[in-house]
Amino acid sequence: MANSHETMMTPAIEGLLDRVDSKFSLVTLAARRARNINSYFNQLGDGLGHMVPPQVSSTARKPLSIAFEEISVNKIVQTEAPAPAEPELDLPEVTSTPTPDHVRAPAHRFARHRSGLSRARR
C-alpha cells in the first residue's frame, strides 16, 4: 500500500522534495517563482509583457500554489548559478619617473609647530 494521505496542499510536499535537494531549496525555488508570477499578474494591465507567464493551467489563485504546481510537473527546475567571472583590469604600467615640480605640493605652505602641522601664514 502506498503512503498516500490527504493533505491540504496539492501537490504534496513529499512529491516536490524529489525534484530538489532539500526543503530549503524547495522553498527558495518556489518563492522566487511565486514572485515572478506575482510580477507577471501585476504588469498585465501595463502591457509590458516582459515577465514569464505561469507555465501550467491552474485553478489556484495564489502565486505560491501555482509555483508549486509548476515545480511538480517539471516546468520549473533548480539550476546552479554560474560562477561570476572576474573582470580583467587594464591598468597602466607604473613608471619610476620623478614627479614634476608643478605637481608636488610646495613645502613652504606648511610649517611645523609644537602643536603639530598647521597652515603657515603668508
C-alpha atoms as a PDB file:
ATOM      1  CA  MET A   1       0.000   0.000   0.000  1.00  0.00           C
ATOM      2  CA  ALA A   2       1.315   3.469  -0.836  1.00  0.00           C
ATOM      3  CA  ASN A   3       1.990   6.075   1.842  1.00  0.00           C
ATOM      4  CA  SER A   4      -0.677   8.361   0.472  1.00  0.00           C
ATOM      5  CA  HIS A   5      -2.623  10.523   2.867  1.00  0.00           C
ATOM      6  CA  GLU A   6      -4.818  13.513   2.388  1.00  0.00           C
ATOM      7  CA  THR A   7      -3.110  16.856   2.797  1.00  0.00           C
ATOM      8  CA  MET A   8      -4.382  20.367   2.489  1.00  0.00           C
ATOM      9  CA  MET A   9      -1.748  21.174  -0.086  1.00  0.00           C
ATOM     10  CA  THR A  10      -1.807  19.928  -3.638  1.00  0.00           C
ATOM     11  CA  PRO A  11       0.725  18.877  -4.889  1.00  0.00           C
ATOM     12  CA  ALA A  12       2.054  17.105  -1.816  1.00  0.00           C
ATOM     13  CA  ILE A  13       5.372  18.246  -0.334  1.00  0.00           C
ATOM     14  CA  GLU A  14       6.762  14.717  -0.463  1.00  0.00           C
ATOM     15  CA  GLY A  15       6.458  14.682  -4.248  1.00  0.00           C
ATOM     16  CA  LEU A  16       8.038  18.118  -4.564  1.00  0.00           C
ATOM     17  CA  LEU A  17      11.050  17.152  -2.431  1.00  0.00           C
ATOM     18  CA  ASP A  18      12.020  14.574  -5.085  1.00  0.00           C
ATOM     19  CA  ARG A  19      12.633  17.434  -7.533  1.00  0.00           C
ATOM     20  CA  VAL A  20      15.104  19.441  -5.391  1.00  0.00           C
ATOM     21  CA  ASP A  21      17.997  18.863  -2.989  1.00  0.00           C
ATOM     22  CA  SER A  22      16.410  20.000   0.272  1.00  0.00           C
ATOM     23  CA  LYS A  23      13.422  21.710   1.844  1.00  0.00           C
ATOM     24  CA  PHE A  24      15.329  24.977   1.811  1.00  0.00           C
ATOM     25  CA  SER A  25      15.935  24.648  -1.938  1.00  0.00           C
ATOM     26  CA  LEU A  26      12.245  23.936  -2.491  1.00  0.00           C
ATOM     27  CA  VAL A  27      11.167  26.978  -0.508  1.00  0.00           C
ATOM     28  CA  THR A  28      13.690  29.218  -2.252  1.00  0.00           C
ATOM     29  CA  LEU A  29      12.768  27.987  -5.732  1.00  0.00           C
ATOM     30  CA  ALA A  30       9.030  28.275  -5.102  1.00  0.00           C
ATOM     31  CA  ALA A  31       9.324  31.731  -3.526  1.00  0.00           C
ATOM     32  CA  ARG A  32      11.381  33.100  -6.420  1.00  0.00           C
ATOM     33  CA  ARG A  33       8.960  31.717  -8.966  1.00  0.00           C
ATOM     34  CA  ALA A  34       5.963  33.000  -6.976  1.00  0.00           C
ATOM     35  CA  ARG A  35       7.487  36.496  -7.040  1.00  0.00           C
ATOM     36  CA  ASN A  36       7.886  36.218 -10.821  1.00  0.00           C
ATOM     37  CA  ILE A  37       4.274  35.086 -11.234  1.00  0.00           C
ATOM     38  CA  ASN A  38       3.072  37.904  -8.988  1.00  0.00           C
ATOM     39  CA  SER A  39       5.045  40.422 -11.046  1.00  0.00           C
ATOM     40  CA  TYR A  40       3.547  38.972 -14.216  1.00  0.00           C
ATOM     41  CA  PHE A  41      -0.007  39.437 -12.928  1.00  0.00           C
ATOM     42  CA  ASN A  42       0.767  42.972 -11.706  1.00  0.00           C
ATOM     43  CA  GLN A  43       2.167  44.122 -15.050  1.00  0.00           C
ATOM     44  CA  LEU A  44      -0.672  42.668 -17.176  1.00  0.00           C
ATOM     45  CA  GLY A  45      -2.575  45.968 -17.310  1.00  0.00           C
ATOM     46  CA  ASP A  46       0.555  47.889 -18.271  1.00  0.00           C
ATOM     47  CA  GLY A  47       1.054  45.894 -21.464  1.00  0.00           C
ATOM     48  CA  LEU A  48       4.781  45.475 -20.855  1.00  0.00           C
ATOM     49  CA  GLY A  49       4.908  41.709 -21.437  1.00  0.00           C
ATOM     50  CA  HIS A  50       8.469  41.087 -20.235  1.00  0.00           C
ATOM     51  CA  MET A  51       7.619  38.575 -17.466  1.00  0.00           C
ATOM     52  CA  VAL A  52       7.191  34.827 -17.980  1.00  0.00           C
ATOM     53  CA  PRO A  53       3.547  33.788 -17.534  1.00  0.00           C
ATOM     54  CA  PRO A  54       2.512  30.747 -15.477  1.00  0.00           C
ATOM     55  CA  GLN A  55       3.565  27.553 -17.256  1.00  0.00           C
ATOM     56  CA  VAL A  56       0.597  25.441 -16.110  1.00  0.00           C
ATOM     57  CA  SER A  57      -3.138  25.962 -16.280  1.00  0.00           C
ATOM     58  CA  SER A  58      -4.256  26.036 -12.695  1.00  0.00           C
ATOM     59  CA  THR A  59      -7.377  26.710 -10.704  1.00  0.00           C
ATOM     60  CA  ALA A  60      -5.219  28.096  -7.907  1.00  0.00           C
ATOM     61  CA  ARG A  61      -5.226  31.839  -7.476  1.00  0.00           C
ATOM     62  CA  LYS A  62      -2.184  32.198  -5.244  1.00  0.00           C
ATOM     63  CA  PRO A  63       1.220  32.599  -6.932  1.00  0.00           C
ATOM     64  CA  LEU A  64       2.911  30.202  -4.498  1.00  0.00           C
ATOM     65  CA  SER A  65       0.409  27.437  -5.270  1.00  0.00           C
ATOM     66  CA  ILE A  66       0.961  27.969  -8.994  1.00  0.00           C
ATOM     67  CA  ALA A  67       4.724  27.833  -8.440  1.00  0.00           C
ATOM     68  CA  PHE A  68       4.409  24.509  -6.570  1.00  0.00           C
ATOM     69  CA  GLU A  69       2.308  23.107  -9.423  1.00  0.00           C
ATOM     70  CA  GLU A  70       4.944  24.198 -11.954  1.00  0.00           C
ATOM     71  CA  ILE A  71       7.669  22.502  -9.913  1.00  0.00           C
ATOM     72  CA  SER A  72       5.623  19.286  -9.644  1.00  0.00           C
ATOM     73  CA  VAL A  73       5.297  18.961 -13.445  1.00  0.00           C
ATOM     74  CA  ASN A  74       8.989  19.891 -14.051  1.00  0.00           C
ATOM     75  CA  LYS A  75       8.230  23.197 -15.760  1.00  0.00           C
ATOM     76  CA  ILE A  76      10.483  24.949 -13.238  1.00  0.00           C
ATOM     77  CA  VAL A  77      13.727  23.215 -12.288  1.00  0.00           C
ATOM     78  CA  GLN A  78      16.537  24.100  -9.939  1.00  0.00           C
ATOM     79  CA  THR A  79      19.862  25.017 -11.559  1.00  0.00           C
ATOM     80  CA  GLU A  80      23.187  26.122 -10.188  1.00  0.00           C
ATOM     81  CA  ALA A  81      24.056  29.779 -10.585  1.00  0.00           C
ATOM     82  CA  PRO A  82      27.070  30.378 -12.830  1.00  0.00           C
ATOM     83  CA  ALA A  83      30.245  31.482 -11.117  1.00  0.00           C
ATOM     84  CA  PRO A  84      30.832  35.220 -11.542  1.00  0.00           C
ATOM     85  CA  ALA A  85      33.641  35.980 -13.947  1.00  0.00           C
ATOM     86  CA  GLU A  86      36.361  38.232 -12.632  1.00  0.00           C
ATOM     87  CA  PRO A  87      36.800  41.240 -14.902  1.00  0.00           C
ATOM     88  CA  GLU A  88      40.239  41.915 -16.254  1.00  0.00           C
ATOM     89  CA  LEU A  89      41.546  45.336 -15.312  1.00  0.00           C
ATOM     90  CA  ASP A  90      43.507  47.338 -17.828  1.00  0.00           C
ATOM     91  CA  LEU A  91      45.812  49.234 -15.508  1.00  0.00           C
ATOM     92  CA  PRO A  92      48.574  51.439 -16.842  1.00  0.00           C
ATOM     93  CA  GLU A  93      52.116  50.408 -16.116  1.00  0.00           C
ATOM     94  CA  VAL A  94      53.754  52.079 -13.142  1.00  0.00           C
ATOM     95  CA  THR A  95      56.849  54.032 -14.041  1.00  0.00           C
ATOM     96  CA  SER A  96      59.507  55.225 -11.680  1.00  0.00           C
ATOM     97  CA  THR A  97      59.857  58.670 -13.192  1.00  0.00           C
ATOM     98  CA  PRO A  98      60.113  61.530 -10.701  1.00  0.00           C
ATOM     99  CA  THR A  99      57.067  63.687 -10.146  1.00  0.00           C
ATOM    100  CA  PRO A 100      57.335  67.081 -11.875  1.00  0.00           C
ATOM    101  CA  ASP A 101      57.687  70.138  -9.660  1.00  0.00           C
ATOM    102  CA  HIS A 102      54.370  71.628 -10.712  1.00  0.00           C
ATOM    103  CA  VAL A 103      52.567  68.536  -9.375  1.00  0.00           C
ATOM    104  CA  ARG A 104      54.286  68.366  -5.982  1.00  0.00           C
ATOM    105  CA  ALA A 105      52.820  70.284  -3.080  1.00  0.00           C
ATOM    106  CA  PRO A 106      55.014  73.234  -2.181  1.00  0.00           C
ATOM    107  CA  ALA A 107      56.892  72.708   1.074  1.00  0.00           C
ATOM    108  CA  HIS A 108      56.511  76.331   2.195  1.00  0.00           C
ATOM    109  CA  ARG A 109      52.731  76.016   2.560  1.00  0.00           C
ATOM    110  CA  PHE A 110      53.006  74.057   5.804  1.00  0.00           C
ATOM    111  CA  ALA A 111      55.098  74.924   8.824  1.00  0.00           C
ATOM    112  CA  ARG A 112      55.843  72.669  11.758  1.00  0.00           C
ATOM    113  CA  HIS A 113      54.714  73.913  15.187  1.00  0.00           C
ATOM    114  CA  ARG A 114      54.776  72.344  18.628  1.00  0.00           C
ATOM    115  CA  SER A 115      51.076  71.512  18.379  1.00  0.00           C
ATOM    116  CA  GLY A 116      51.564  69.676  15.096  1.00  0.00           C
ATOM    117  CA  LEU A 117      51.093  70.625  11.466  1.00  0.00           C
ATOM    118  CA  SER A 118      49.305  73.839  10.798  1.00  0.00           C
ATOM    119  CA  ARG A 119      48.963  76.061   7.815  1.00  0.00           C
ATOM    120  CA  ALA A 120      51.679  78.715   7.512  1.00  0.00           C
ATOM    121  CA  ARG A 121      50.637  82.321   7.319  1.00  0.00           C
ATOM    122  CA  ARG A 122      51.706  84.217   4.264  1.00  0.00           C
END
